[in-house]
C-alpha atoms as a PDB file:
ATOM      1  CA  MET A   1     -78.360 -48.123  11.699  1.00  0.00           C
ATOM      2  CA  GLN A   2     -80.671 -45.120  11.617  1.00  0.00           C
ATOM      3  CA  THR A   3     -82.702 -46.612  14.502  1.00  0.00           C
ATOM      4  CA  ARG A   4     -79.531 -47.009  16.598  1.00  0.00           C
ATOM      5  CA  ALA A   5     -78.478 -43.429  15.869  1.00  0.00           C
ATOM      6  CA  PHE A   6     -81.920 -42.118  16.803  1.00  0.00           C
ATOM      7  CA  THR A   7     -81.899 -44.150  20.023  1.00  0.00           C
ATOM      8  CA  PHE A   8     -78.436 -42.798  20.932  1.00  0.00           C
ATOM      9  CA  LEU A   9     -79.519 -39.196  20.366  1.00  0.00           C
ATOM     10  CA  LEU A  10     -82.695 -39.738  22.408  1.00  0.00           C
ATOM     11  CA  LEU A  11     -80.717 -41.177  25.321  1.00  0.00           C
ATOM     12  CA  ALA A  12     -78.161 -38.368  25.145  1.00  0.00           C
ATOM     13  CA  ALA A  13     -80.888 -35.751  25.163  1.00  0.00           C
ATOM     14  CA  SER A  14     -82.669 -37.345  28.083  1.00  0.00           C
ATOM     15  CA  SER A  15     -79.458 -37.585  30.150  1.00  0.00           C
ATOM     16  CA  ALA A  16     -78.311 -33.991  29.466  1.00  0.00           C
ATOM     17  CA  PRO A  17     -79.085 -31.476  32.220  1.00  0.00           C
ATOM     18  CA  ALA A  18     -82.047 -29.218  31.522  1.00  0.00           C
ATOM     19  CA  LEU A  19     -80.912 -25.724  30.574  1.00  0.00           C
ATOM     20  CA  PHE A  20     -82.561 -22.438  31.404  1.00  0.00           C
ATOM     21  CA  GLY A  21     -84.165 -23.578  34.618  1.00  0.00           C
ATOM     22  CA  ASP A  22     -85.619 -21.059  37.055  1.00  0.00           C
ATOM     23  CA  VAL A  23     -83.761 -19.977  40.198  1.00  0.00           C
ATOM     24  CA  THR A  24     -84.659 -17.838  43.217  1.00  0.00           C
ATOM     25  CA  VAL A  25     -81.946 -16.548  45.543  1.00  0.00           C
ATOM     26  CA  ARG A  26     -82.804 -14.586  48.677  1.00  0.00           C
ATOM     27  CA  SER A  27     -80.188 -13.039  50.977  1.00  0.00           C
ATOM     28  CA  ARG A  28     -80.439 -11.453  54.421  1.00  0.00           C
ATOM     29  CA  ASN A  29     -78.320  -8.322  54.969  1.00  0.00           C
ATOM     30  CA  THR A  30     -77.275  -6.394  58.090  1.00  0.00           C
ATOM     31  CA  ILE A  31     -75.111  -3.331  58.761  1.00  0.00           C
ATOM     32  CA  ARG A  32     -73.722  -2.041  62.063  1.00  0.00           C
ATOM     33  CA  PHE A  33     -71.849   1.173  62.804  1.00  0.00           C
ATOM     34  CA  GLY A  34     -69.260   1.748  65.513  1.00  0.00           C
ATOM     35  CA  ALA A  35     -68.834   4.582  67.982  1.00  0.00           C
ATOM     36  CA  ILE A  36     -66.407   6.464  65.711  1.00  0.00           C
ATOM     37  CA  ILE A  37     -67.404   7.149  62.114  1.00  0.00           C
ATOM     38  CA  PRO A  38     -65.471   9.155  59.485  1.00  0.00           C
ATOM     39  CA  ALA A  39     -67.178  12.519  58.921  1.00  0.00           C
ATOM     40  CA  PRO A  40     -67.950  11.906  55.201  1.00  0.00           C
ATOM     41  CA  VAL A  41     -69.606   8.562  56.016  1.00  0.00           C
ATOM     42  CA  ALA A  42     -71.466  10.073  58.966  1.00  0.00           C
ATOM     43  CA  GLU A  43     -72.994  12.696  56.685  1.00  0.00           C
ATOM     44  CA  ARG A  44     -74.499  10.013  54.459  1.00  0.00           C
ATOM     45  CA  THR A  45     -75.757   7.787  57.271  1.00  0.00           C
ATOM     46  CA  SER A  46     -77.282  10.239  59.796  1.00  0.00           C
ATOM     47  CA  ASN A  47     -74.167   9.790  61.918  1.00  0.00           C
ATOM     48  CA  GLY A  48     -74.487   6.011  61.703  1.00  0.00           C
ATOM     49  CA  ASN A  49     -78.191   5.880  62.534  1.00  0.00           C
ATOM     50  CA  LEU A  50     -79.367   5.172  58.978  1.00  0.00           C
ATOM     51  CA  ALA A  51     -79.506   1.488  57.972  1.00  0.00           C
ATOM     52  CA  THR A  52     -78.411   2.101  54.391  1.00  0.00           C
ATOM     53  CA  VAL A  53     -78.223  -1.590  53.452  1.00  0.00           C
ATOM     54  CA  PRO A  54     -81.610  -3.227  52.671  1.00  0.00           C
ATOM     55  CA  GLU A  55     -82.639  -6.062  54.972  1.00  0.00           C
ATOM     56  CA  SER A  56     -82.943  -8.454  52.047  1.00  0.00           C
ATOM     57  CA  THR A  57     -81.910  -8.904  48.438  1.00  0.00           C
ATOM     58  CA  VAL A  58     -83.767 -11.234  46.092  1.00  0.00           C
ATOM     59  CA  ARG A  59     -82.973 -12.273  42.540  1.00  0.00           C
ATOM     60  CA  TYR A  60     -85.005 -14.382  40.159  1.00  0.00           C
ATOM     61  CA  ARG A  61     -83.305 -16.002  37.178  1.00  0.00           C
ATOM     62  CA  LYS A  62     -84.929 -17.520  34.099  1.00  0.00           C
ATOM     63  CA  GLY A  63     -82.534 -18.356  31.293  1.00  0.00           C
ATOM     64  CA  SER A  64     -80.803 -15.158  30.165  1.00  0.00           C
ATOM     65  CA  ARG A  65     -83.102 -12.871  32.188  1.00  0.00           C
ATOM     66  CA  GLU A  66     -82.867 -11.786  35.805  1.00  0.00           C
ATOM     67  CA  TYR A  67     -84.978  -9.646  38.108  1.00  0.00           C
ATOM     68  CA  LEU A  68     -83.094  -8.246  41.090  1.00  0.00           C
ATOM     69  CA  LYS A  69     -84.560  -6.284  44.012  1.00  0.00           C
ATOM     70  CA  SER A  70     -82.659  -4.798  46.945  1.00  0.00           C
ATOM     71  CA  GLY A  71     -84.629  -2.285  49.001  1.00  0.00           C
ATOM     72  CA  LYS A  72     -86.077   0.379  46.718  1.00  0.00           C
ATOM     73  CA  PHE A  73     -83.636  -0.603  43.984  1.00  0.00           C
ATOM     74  CA  ALA A  74     -85.007  -3.020  41.366  1.00  0.00           C
ATOM     75  CA  CYS A  75     -83.748  -3.897  37.918  1.00  0.00           C
ATOM     76  CA  LEU A  76     -84.244  -6.282  35.026  1.00  0.00           C
ATOM     77  CA  LEU A  77     -81.106  -7.741  33.472  1.00  0.00           C
ATOM     78  CA  ASP A  78     -81.401  -9.091  29.925  1.00  0.00           C
ATOM     79  CA  PHE A  79     -78.095 -10.822  29.252  1.00  0.00           C
ATOM     80  CA  GLY A  80     -79.155 -11.824  25.749  1.00  0.00           C
ATOM     81  CA  LYS A  81     -79.791  -8.230  24.675  1.00  0.00           C
ATOM     82  CA  GLN A  82     -77.132  -6.818  27.037  1.00  0.00           C
ATOM     83  CA  LYS A  83     -79.648  -4.357  28.492  1.00  0.00           C
ATOM     84  CA  ILE A  84     -80.410  -3.328  32.072  1.00  0.00           C
ATOM     85  CA  THR A  85     -83.697  -1.711  33.095  1.00  0.00           C
ATOM     86  CA  ILE A  86     -83.986   0.196  36.375  1.00  0.00           C
ATOM     87  CA  ILE A  87     -87.529   0.174  37.803  1.00  0.00           C
ATOM     88  CA  ASP A  88     -89.062   2.748  40.149  1.00  0.00           C
ATOM     89  CA  ALA A  89     -92.218   1.136  41.555  1.00  0.00           C
ATOM     90  CA  GLY A  90     -93.091   4.230  43.604  1.00  0.00           C
ATOM     91  CA  ASN A  91     -93.449   6.462  40.546  1.00  0.00           C
ATOM     92  CA  LYS A  92     -94.243   3.670  38.068  1.00  0.00           C
ATOM     93  CA  THR A  93     -91.323   4.600  35.832  1.00  0.00           C
ATOM     94  CA  PHE A  94     -88.392   2.758  34.274  1.00  0.00           C
ATOM     95  CA  ALA A  95     -85.238   3.456  32.282  1.00  0.00           C
ATOM     96  CA  THR A  96     -83.264   1.087  30.048  1.00  0.00           C
ATOM     97  CA  VAL A  97     -79.583   1.415  29.107  1.00  0.00           C
ATOM     98  CA  ALA A  98     -76.938  -0.833  27.571  1.00  0.00           C
ATOM     99  CA  MET A  99     -75.034  -2.848  30.179  1.00  0.00           C
ATOM    100  CA  LYS A 100     -71.735  -1.447  28.920  1.00  0.00           C
ATOM    101  CA  ASP A 101     -72.934   2.104  29.619  1.00  0.00           C
ATOM    102  CA  TYR A 102     -74.608   1.456  32.959  1.00  0.00           C
ATOM    103  CA  GLY A 103     -71.635   2.110  35.232  1.00  0.00           C
ATOM    104  CA  ASP A 104     -70.770   5.495  33.760  1.00  0.00           C
ATOM    105  CA  ARG A 105     -74.392   6.624  33.718  1.00  0.00           C
ATOM    106  CA  LEU A 106     -74.822   5.523  37.328  1.00  0.00           C
ATOM    107  CA  ALA A 107     -71.672   7.327  38.488  1.00  0.00           C
ATOM    108  CA  ARG A 108     -72.903  10.592  36.989  1.00  0.00           C
ATOM    109  CA  ALA A 109     -76.279  10.250  38.691  1.00  0.00           C
ATOM    110  CA  MET A 110     -75.044   9.419  42.212  1.00  0.00           C
ATOM    111  CA  PRO A 111     -73.671  11.900  44.798  1.00  0.00           C
ATOM    112  CA  GLY A 112     -70.066  12.968  44.232  1.00  0.00           C
ATOM    113  CA  VAL A 113     -67.267  13.527  46.711  1.00  0.00           C
ATOM    114  CA  PRO A 114     -67.790  16.825  48.610  1.00  0.00           C
ATOM    115  CA  GLN A 115     -65.621  19.716  47.441  1.00  0.00           C
ATOM    116  CA  GLU A 116     -63.651  19.835  50.693  1.00  0.00           C
ATOM    117  CA  PHE A 117     -62.428  16.261  50.120  1.00  0.00           C
ATOM    118  CA  ARG A 118     -61.586  16.498  46.416  1.00  0.00           C
ATOM    119  CA  ASP A 119     -58.053  17.797  46.942  1.00  0.00           C
ATOM    120  CA  ALA A 120     -57.317  14.898  49.256  1.00  0.00           C
ATOM    121  CA  GLN A 121     -58.659  12.483  46.651  1.00  0.00           C
ATOM    122  CA  GLN A 122     -55.889  13.505  44.249  1.00  0.00           C
ATOM    123  CA  SER A 123     -53.242  12.301  46.695  1.00  0.00           C
ATOM    124  CA  ALA A 124     -55.093   9.209  47.943  1.00  0.00           C
ATOM    125  CA  LYS A 125     -53.465   5.849  47.343  1.00  0.00           C
ATOM    126  CA  THR A 126     -55.258   2.520  47.458  1.00  0.00           C
ATOM    127  CA  THR A 127     -53.673  -0.910  47.792  1.00  0.00           C
ATOM    128  CA  LEU A 128     -55.571  -4.124  46.962  1.00  0.00           C
ATOM    129  CA  SER A 129     -54.740  -7.653  48.099  1.00  0.00           C
ATOM    130  CA  SER A 130     -56.598 -10.936  47.581  1.00  0.00           C
ATOM    131  CA  ARG A 131     -56.060 -14.495  48.785  1.00  0.00           C
ATOM    132  CA  LYS A 132     -57.893 -17.791  49.149  1.00  0.00           C
ATOM    133  CA  THR A 133     -57.977 -18.768  52.813  1.00  0.00           C
ATOM    134  CA  GLY A 134     -58.527 -22.477  52.277  1.00  0.00           C
ATOM    135  CA  ARG A 135     -61.639 -22.422  54.478  1.00  0.00           C
ATOM    136  CA  THR A 136     -64.748 -24.141  53.113  1.00  0.00           C
ATOM    137  CA  ASP A 137     -68.393 -24.503  54.111  1.00  0.00           C
ATOM    138  CA  VAL A 138     -71.770 -25.637  52.801  1.00  0.00           C
ATOM    139  CA  ILE A 139     -74.546 -23.038  52.472  1.00  0.00           C
ATOM    140  CA  GLN A 140     -78.031 -23.980  51.245  1.00  0.00           C
ATOM    141  CA  GLY A 141     -76.582 -27.302  50.090  1.00  0.00           C
ATOM    142  CA  VAL A 142     -73.861 -25.651  47.989  1.00  0.00           C
ATOM    143  CA  PRO A 143     -70.146 -26.233  48.743  1.00  0.00           C
ATOM    144  CA  VAL A 144     -68.426 -22.841  49.043  1.00  0.00           C
ATOM    145  CA  GLU A 145     -64.864 -21.615  49.582  1.00  0.00           C
ATOM    146  CA  GLU A 146     -63.650 -18.402  51.168  1.00  0.00           C
ATOM    147  CA  THR A 147     -61.657 -15.624  49.534  1.00  0.00           C
ATOM    148  CA  GLU A 148     -60.399 -12.640  51.533  1.00  0.00           C
ATOM    149  CA  ILE A 149     -59.897  -9.284  49.827  1.00  0.00           C
ATOM    150  CA  ALA A 150     -58.586  -6.121  51.474  1.00  0.00           C
ATOM    151  CA  VAL A 151     -58.288  -2.510  50.370  1.00  0.00           C
ATOM    152  CA  SER A 152     -56.111  -0.013  52.222  1.00  0.00           C
ATOM    153  CA  LEU A 153     -56.501   3.742  51.713  1.00  0.00           C
ATOM    154  CA  GLU A 154     -53.480   5.910  52.400  1.00  0.00           C
ATOM    155  CA  LEU A 155     -53.560   9.696  52.688  1.00  0.00           C
ATOM    156  CA  PRO A 156     -50.972  12.372  53.538  1.00  0.00           C
ATOM    157  CA  VAL A 157     -51.244  13.192  57.253  1.00  0.00           C
ATOM    158  CA  PRO A 158     -49.555  16.149  59.021  1.00  0.00           C
ATOM    159  CA  THR A 159     -47.300  15.217  61.964  1.00  0.00           C
ATOM    160  CA  ALA A 160     -46.635  17.057  65.212  1.00  0.00           C
ATOM    161  CA  ASP A 161     -43.306  18.397  63.894  1.00  0.00           C
ATOM    162  CA  GLY A 162     -44.984  20.012  60.890  1.00  0.00           C
ATOM    163  CA  LYS A 163     -44.053  17.345  58.360  1.00  0.00           C
ATOM    164  CA  ILE A 164     -46.290  15.272  56.128  1.00  0.00           C
ATOM    165  CA  ARG A 165     -46.254  11.513  56.021  1.00  0.00           C
ATOM    166  CA  THR A 166     -48.436   9.011  54.191  1.00  0.00           C
ATOM    167  CA  GLU A 167     -50.119   6.422  56.369  1.00  0.00           C
ATOM    168  CA  PRO A 168     -53.101   4.061  56.149  1.00  0.00           C
ATOM    169  CA  VAL A 169     -56.247   5.939  57.112  1.00  0.00           C
ATOM    170  CA  VAL A 170     -58.980   3.456  56.208  1.00  0.00           C
ATOM    171  CA  LYS A 171     -58.905  -0.293  55.646  1.00  0.00           C
ATOM    172  CA  VAL A 172     -61.752  -2.381  54.281  1.00  0.00           C
ATOM    173  CA  ALA A 173     -61.600  -6.179  54.374  1.00  0.00           C
ATOM    174  CA  ILE A 174     -64.184  -8.579  53.003  1.00  0.00           C
ATOM    175  CA  GLN A 175     -64.454 -12.359  53.344  1.00  0.00           C
ATOM    176  CA  VAL A 176     -66.482 -13.843  50.503  1.00  0.00           C
ATOM    177  CA  TRP A 177     -67.800 -17.412  50.295  1.00  0.00           C
ATOM    178  CA  MET A 178     -68.341 -18.372  46.651  1.00  0.00           C
ATOM    179  CA  ALA A 179     -69.527 -21.610  45.071  1.00  0.00           C
ATOM    180  CA  LYS A 180     -66.632 -24.003  44.567  1.00  0.00           C
ATOM    181  CA  PRO A 181     -65.815 -25.067  40.990  1.00  0.00           C
ATOM    182  CA  ALA A 182     -67.755 -28.269  40.375  1.00  0.00           C
ATOM    183  CA  LYS A 183     -65.771 -31.455  39.756  1.00  0.00           C
ATOM    184  CA  ALA A 184     -68.983 -33.383  39.058  1.00  0.00           C
ATOM    185  CA  PRO A 185     -72.134 -32.159  37.244  1.00  0.00           C
ATOM    186  CA  PRO A 186     -72.876 -28.804  38.934  1.00  0.00           C
ATOM    187  CA  ILE A 187     -75.841 -28.177  41.170  1.00  0.00           C
ATOM    188  CA  PRO A 188     -78.655 -26.991  38.832  1.00  0.00           C
ATOM    189  CA  ALA A 189     -79.204 -23.665  40.604  1.00  0.00           C
ATOM    190  CA  VAL A 190     -75.475 -22.880  40.563  1.00  0.00           C
ATOM    191  CA  ARG A 191     -75.236 -23.842  36.901  1.00  0.00           C
ATOM    192  CA  GLU A 192     -77.999 -21.397  35.996  1.00  0.00           C
ATOM    193  CA  LEU A 193     -76.516 -18.583  38.067  1.00  0.00           C
ATOM    194  CA  THR A 194     -73.098 -18.948  36.436  1.00  0.00           C
ATOM    195  CA  ALA A 195     -74.484 -19.176  32.890  1.00  0.00           C
ATOM    196  CA  HIS A 196     -74.723 -15.379  32.542  1.00  0.00           C
ATOM    197  CA  SER A 197     -73.059 -12.426  34.201  1.00  0.00           C
ATOM    198  CA  MET A 198     -72.727  -8.686  33.688  1.00  0.00           C
ATOM    199  CA  SER A 199     -69.210  -7.373  33.243  1.00  0.00           C
ATOM    200  CA  ASN A 200     -68.946  -3.709  34.173  1.00  0.00           C
ATOM    201  CA  PRO A 201     -66.215  -2.149  36.364  1.00  0.00           C
ATOM    202  CA  ARG A 202     -68.806  -0.055  38.219  1.00  0.00           C
ATOM    203  CA  PHE A 203     -71.453  -2.732  38.785  1.00  0.00           C
ATOM    204  CA  SER A 204     -71.277  -5.335  41.540  1.00  0.00           C
ATOM    205  CA  GLN A 205     -73.958  -7.897  40.789  1.00  0.00           C
ATOM    206  CA  TRP A 206     -73.330 -10.023  43.879  1.00  0.00           C
ATOM    207  CA  ILE A 207     -72.060  -7.687  46.621  1.00  0.00           C
ATOM    208  CA  ASP A 208     -73.393  -4.184  45.973  1.00  0.00           C
ATOM    209  CA  PRO A 209     -75.993  -4.244  43.162  1.00  0.00           C
ATOM    210  CA  ALA A 210     -77.695  -1.030  44.312  1.00  0.00           C
ATOM    211  CA  ASN A 211     -74.295   0.723  44.543  1.00  0.00           C
ATOM    212  CA  ILE A 212     -75.032   1.651  48.152  1.00  0.00           C
ATOM    213  CA  LEU A 213     -71.736   0.684  49.779  1.00  0.00           C
ATOM    214  CA  VAL A 214     -69.648   2.388  47.103  1.00  0.00           C
ATOM    215  CA  THR A 215     -71.751   5.527  47.504  1.00  0.00           C
ATOM    216  CA  VAL A 216     -71.630   5.594  51.322  1.00  0.00           C
ATOM    217  CA  PHE A 217     -67.976   4.678  51.808  1.00  0.00           C
ATOM    218  CA  GLY A 218     -67.001   6.399  48.566  1.00  0.00           C
ATOM    219  CA  ALA A 219     -67.509   9.713  50.357  1.00  0.00           C
ATOM    220  CA  MET A 220     -64.017   9.040  51.714  1.00  0.00           C
ATOM    221  CA  PRO A 221     -61.460  10.319  49.160  1.00  0.00           C
ATOM    222  CA  GLY A 222     -60.246   7.434  46.997  1.00  0.00           C
ATOM    223  CA  LEU A 223     -62.201   4.745  48.834  1.00  0.00           C
ATOM    224  CA  GLY A 224     -64.992   4.491  46.252  1.00  0.00           C
ATOM    225  CA  ASP A 225     -62.543   3.392  43.550  1.00  0.00           C
ATOM    226  CA  GLY A 226     -60.901   1.002  46.007  1.00  0.00           C
ATOM    227  CA  LEU A 227     -64.224  -0.654  46.824  1.00  0.00           C
ATOM    228  CA  SER A 228     -65.062  -0.948  43.137  1.00  0.00           C
ATOM    229  CA  GLN A 229     -61.755  -2.765  42.596  1.00  0.00           C
ATOM    230  CA  MET A 230     -62.518  -5.012  45.554  1.00  0.00           C
ATOM    231  CA  PHE A 231     -65.966  -5.952  44.285  1.00  0.00           C
ATOM    232  CA  GLN A 232     -64.641  -6.594  40.777  1.00  0.00           C
ATOM    233  CA  GLU A 233     -62.215  -9.131  42.256  1.00  0.00           C
ATOM    234  CA  VAL A 234     -65.354 -11.001  43.277  1.00  0.00           C
ATOM    235  CA  GLU A 235     -67.208 -10.495  40.003  1.00  0.00           C
ATOM    236  CA  LYS A 236     -64.376 -11.676  37.770  1.00  0.00           C
ATOM    237  CA  SER A 237     -64.600 -15.144  39.298  1.00  0.00           C
ATOM    238  CA  LYS A 238     -68.104 -15.396  37.759  1.00  0.00           C
ATOM    239  CA  SER A 239     -69.091 -17.540  40.710  1.00  0.00           C
ATOM    240  CA  PRO A 240     -72.269 -17.004  42.787  1.00  0.00           C
ATOM    241  CA  VAL A 241     -71.690 -15.495  46.232  1.00  0.00           C
ATOM    242  CA  PHE A 242     -73.480 -17.202  49.146  1.00  0.00           C
ATOM    243  CA  LYS A 243     -72.063 -15.263  52.072  1.00  0.00           C
ATOM    244  CA  TRP A 244     -69.872 -12.251  52.756  1.00  0.00           C
ATOM    245  CA  HIS A 245     -68.612 -10.274  55.731  1.00  0.00           C
ATOM    246  CA  LEU A 246     -67.175  -6.754  55.385  1.00  0.00           C
ATOM    247  CA  GLU A 247     -65.384  -4.645  57.988  1.00  0.00           C
ATOM    248  CA  ALA A 248     -64.256  -1.041  57.540  1.00  0.00           C
ATOM    249  CA  SER A 249     -61.801   0.358  60.075  1.00  0.00           C
ATOM    250  CA  MET A 250     -59.597   3.413  60.630  1.00  0.00           C
ATOM    251  CA  PRO A 251     -56.117   2.303  61.772  1.00  0.00           C
ATOM    252  CA  GLY A 252     -54.908   5.908  61.550  1.00  0.00           C
ATOM    253  CA  MET A 253     -57.637   7.096  63.919  1.00  0.00           C
ATOM    254  CA  ALA A 254     -56.872   4.301  66.384  1.00  0.00           C
ATOM    255  CA  ALA A 255     -53.210   5.340  66.550  1.00  0.00           C
ATOM    256  CA  ALA A 256     -54.153   9.018  66.980  1.00  0.00           C
ATOM    257  CA  LEU A 257     -56.542   8.258  69.863  1.00  0.00           C
ATOM    258  CA  GLN A 258     -54.001   6.085  71.604  1.00  0.00           C
ATOM    259  CA  ASN A 259     -51.331   8.802  71.303  1.00  0.00           C
ATOM    260  CA  MET A 260     -53.790  11.376  72.648  1.00  0.00           C
ATOM    261  CA  GLN A 261     -54.536   9.075  75.557  1.00  0.00           C
ATOM    262  CA  LYS A 262     -50.835   8.832  76.423  1.00  0.00           C
ATOM    263  CA  GLN A 263     -50.188  12.566  76.059  1.00  0.00           C
ATOM    264  CA  GLN A 264     -53.171  13.653  78.132  1.00  0.00           C
ATOM    265  CA  GLY A 265     -52.963  10.808  80.614  1.00  0.00           C
ATOM    266  CA  ARG A 266     -56.686  10.187  80.368  1.00  0.00           C
ATOM    267  CA  ALA A 267     -58.546   6.995  79.633  1.00  0.00           C
ATOM    268  CA  LEU A 268     -60.788   6.742  76.604  1.00  0.00           C
ATOM    269  CA  PRO A 269     -64.555   6.920  77.240  1.00  0.00           C
ATOM    270  CA  ASP A 270     -66.167   3.685  78.412  1.00  0.00           C
ATOM    271  CA  GLY A 271     -67.106   1.392  75.558  1.00  0.00           C
ATOM    272  CA  LEU A 272     -64.890   3.179  73.014  1.00  0.00           C
ATOM    273  CA  ASP A 273     -62.548   0.736  71.294  1.00  0.00           C
ATOM    274  CA  PRO A 274     -60.302   2.653  68.850  1.00  0.00           C
ATOM    275  CA  ASN A 275     -59.385  -0.592  67.085  1.00  0.00           C
ATOM    276  CA  ALA A 276     -63.000  -1.621  66.451  1.00  0.00           C
ATOM    277  CA  PRO A 277     -64.332  -1.274  62.877  1.00  0.00           C
ATOM    278  CA  PHE A 278     -66.507   1.751  62.218  1.00  0.00           C
ATOM    279  CA  SER A 279     -68.824  -0.375  60.069  1.00  0.00           C
ATOM    280  CA  VAL A 280     -69.600  -4.084  59.704  1.00  0.00           C
ATOM    281  CA  VAL A 281     -71.794  -5.464  56.910  1.00  0.00           C
ATOM    282  CA  ASP A 282     -72.983  -9.069  56.580  1.00  0.00           C
ATOM    283  CA  SER A 283     -74.976 -10.921  53.952  1.00  0.00           C
ATOM    284  CA  GLU A 284     -75.916 -14.583  53.587  1.00  0.00           C
ATOM    285  CA  VAL A 285     -78.156 -16.567  51.267  1.00  0.00           C
ATOM    286  CA  VAL A 286     -81.139 -17.839  53.252  1.00  0.00           C
ATOM    287  CA  GLU A 287     -83.140 -19.285  50.344  1.00  0.00           C
ATOM    288  CA  LEU A 288     -82.100 -21.085  47.161  1.00  0.00           C
ATOM    289  CA  SER A 289     -84.921 -22.504  45.070  1.00  0.00           C
ATOM    290  CA  THR A 290     -85.445 -23.920  41.585  1.00  0.00           C
ATOM    291  CA  ALA A 291     -89.235 -23.573  41.707  1.00  0.00           C
ATOM    292  CA  PRO A 292     -90.817 -22.069  38.562  1.00  0.00           C
ATOM    293  CA  VAL A 293     -90.866 -18.274  38.395  1.00  0.00           C
ATOM    294  CA  ASP A 294     -93.757 -16.485  36.669  1.00  0.00           C
ATOM    295  CA  ASP A 295     -92.788 -14.842  33.345  1.00  0.00           C
ATOM    296  CA  ALA A 296     -94.496 -11.655  34.538  1.00  0.00           C
ATOM    297  CA  VAL A 297     -91.647 -11.134  37.025  1.00  0.00           C
ATOM    298  CA  PHE A 298     -89.337 -10.380  34.098  1.00  0.00           C
ATOM    299  CA  GLN A 299     -91.613  -7.799  32.477  1.00  0.00           C
ATOM    300  CA  VAL A 300     -92.037  -4.100  33.192  1.00  0.00           C
ATOM    301  CA  PRO A 301     -95.688  -3.603  34.244  1.00  0.00           C
ATOM    302  CA  ALA A 302     -97.842  -2.281  31.415  1.00  0.00           C
ATOM    303  CA  ASP A 303     -98.873   0.869  33.296  1.00  0.00           C
ATOM    304  CA  TYR A 304     -95.266   2.011  33.878  1.00  0.00           C
ATOM    305  CA  HIS A 305     -93.751   4.660  31.583  1.00  0.00           C
ATOM    306  CA  ALA A 306     -90.199   5.449  30.481  1.00  0.00           C
ATOM    307  CA  ALA A 307     -88.351   8.271  32.246  1.00  0.00           C
ATOM    308  CA  PRO A 308     -84.834   9.759  32.183  1.00  0.00           C
ATOM    309  CA  PHE A 309     -82.271   7.352  33.584  1.00  0.00           C
ATOM    310  CA  GLU A 310     -80.899   9.853  36.116  1.00  0.00           C
ATOM    311  CA  ASP A 311     -84.370  10.559  37.509  1.00  0.00           C
ATOM    312  CA  VAL A 312     -85.166   6.882  38.003  1.00  0.00           C
ATOM    313  CA  VAL A 313     -81.810   6.106  39.634  1.00  0.00           C
ATOM    314  CA  LYS A 314     -82.053   9.003  42.080  1.00  0.00           C
ATOM    315  CA  SER A 315     -85.589   7.990  43.018  1.00  0.00           C
ATOM    316  CA  VAL A 316     -84.697   4.374  43.899  1.00  0.00           C
ATOM    317  CA  SER A 317     -81.423   5.230  45.619  1.00  0.00           C
ATOM    318  CA  PRO A 318     -81.422   5.635  49.397  1.00  0.00           C
ATOM    319  CA  SER A 319     -81.509   9.142  50.832  1.00  0.00           C
ATOM    320  CA  PHE A 320     -78.299  10.235  52.497  1.00  0.00           C
ATOM    321  CA  PRO A 321     -79.288  12.906  55.042  1.00  0.00           C
ATOM    322  CA  LYS A 322     -76.603  14.899  56.801  1.00  0.00           C
ATOM    323  CA  SER A 323     -76.082  14.320  60.496  1.00  0.00           C
END
């Protein structure tokens, strides 16, 4: 009887999927700006000439630890200890905070909304919608399904007759392709990536880990909070993201330009499409691997020293020069 029990346990152990395998995920990112850019966004992107989004994002996962690098931004996530460490390779410094405190600390360290836009922020209204489109695909061997999320920002706008009306000024829509829930034993890489996640309303692990998009577009009154809500819709699914496409447009500006065109009887400049988005951002996973990852990847180098969190964050964040 004991022999049978031992044999059963041995077979069960050998047939169970191996836990805590290593995973590497590499994504390619692009950003494009249109001919018309909102002034607050233009100030933080050299009038649309600054490629704020890093060309690639890579994450390495080993059990409950993750190393994530996107441009100058790099961090170590320890899901077991619920700690996040921001690393500044240029100055050989690092700072560690509790995951639950990270969002608030980051918000205090990043640029705020300019004074001239703060009054408008009080009256800004954001509307969020989310739906599954039913479209599916396969990316890097992983079945994915699409979810579309949109945020609309409304602000009071003066009219020609001296009145004020609220109308949509900015709209941001994102299509996100996430791993489909597995009906059979999940793909090993997907299983490892879904085993741990960081829950923080100001941290987007899959879409905007370096907080770049929220910072750039958040210069528009109320839009930063709207984007955070949008990204959290993605995060709460706890499903890895393999592709996403984001478009930011100004429906209010399009209507104003078209009215101006009618009133003045002049055509818009060649190549100027008032309905075109002022920014388009794309990201797609181009590598998914379960090859072993060196333990050293998940360690802060020995010659690095601790520094104030705010100093490290500002150093690894992109510069936002004025136009």
